[in-house]
């Protein structure tokens, strides 16, 4: 039998495919769906973004094989986070892994989680998010931007204050310039905690501390390791003022690439990645602390009376004013309070 495929045969096949409404290209295997995923963090476990991304990638591979290909761009390769937010909204970037704060420019209600001492610990944060806080935020973001949140993970460890000079109490922060998240809620929080809050983009923190633009910063131990900030500030006051979320965002155009038959597996891959990332966060936090101690970071526990005083001031002066400005957050503050132990 002659099995030679000549030009005429190919042409006939293409015409036949067109006649029944099938694109000629589908005579061959369909090309995989490609999703561009942006992260400002390094691709390791101390960069909390990767702690969620890696199991997501593995889950996608296990359930969908090569039908979906993820293209991961760590270390801010696709630009500053504020710019990537716009790219996710427009669809030029499909997914973004980041904290909730950068999205507060389009959903200001998100800023409520930037206040210090909203959560007592990660167990409290998990209970509150799963009780309805995350669902309410998902809805707000989708309604205003068309962007969806695939999963709610956490940064690696609670946020504390790292400084060049030793600091033993909040009173000693007076006059110290501290890099904080560039959100109004965080700046107001540090108006109570102490120091002079100075918003700086995350990729500029190392140089800002090194050159004396700021005297220190606040962040979680995983990020301190991932960005090597331990090289420029060797003292830490363990304020544990924030247990930050880390979310996976996907734009409408990105989500529309996923056919209906793949959606259940795609969503389950994200859900399972969230469970894995949450479980890993606490373990990696312990490892991060041990590594920072080995790198000569000196940790000082915050005084109990300092913590109680700050928490009281936050609850009395900041949370109620924010809930009044954004009434939809009032029941969310109540959920958080009701899930405390």
Foldseek 3Di string as FASTA:
>chain_A
DDPDQDPVNLVVQQVVCVVVPHHSVVVDPDAAAEAEEEELFDCDVLALQNLLVVLLQVLCCVPPNRNYHYDYDYNQPVHAPLVVVVCQLVVVHFKYKFFPVSVCVQVVLSCVQLAWPLAPDLVLVVQLCVVCPVVVVQVVCCVRRVKGWLAKAWNQAFKWKFFADADAALVVQAAFEEEEDPDPNNQVLCVLSHHHYDHDGPLCQLVCLQVVVGGTYMDALSRCVRNVSCVRTQEIEPLSTHTTIMTMMGHNNSVVSQDPVCVVSSSVSSVVSRVSSRVVSHVVSVVSVVVSVVVRRHYHYYDPVSNVVSVVCCVVPPPVVSCVVPVVCVVSSVSSVVSDD
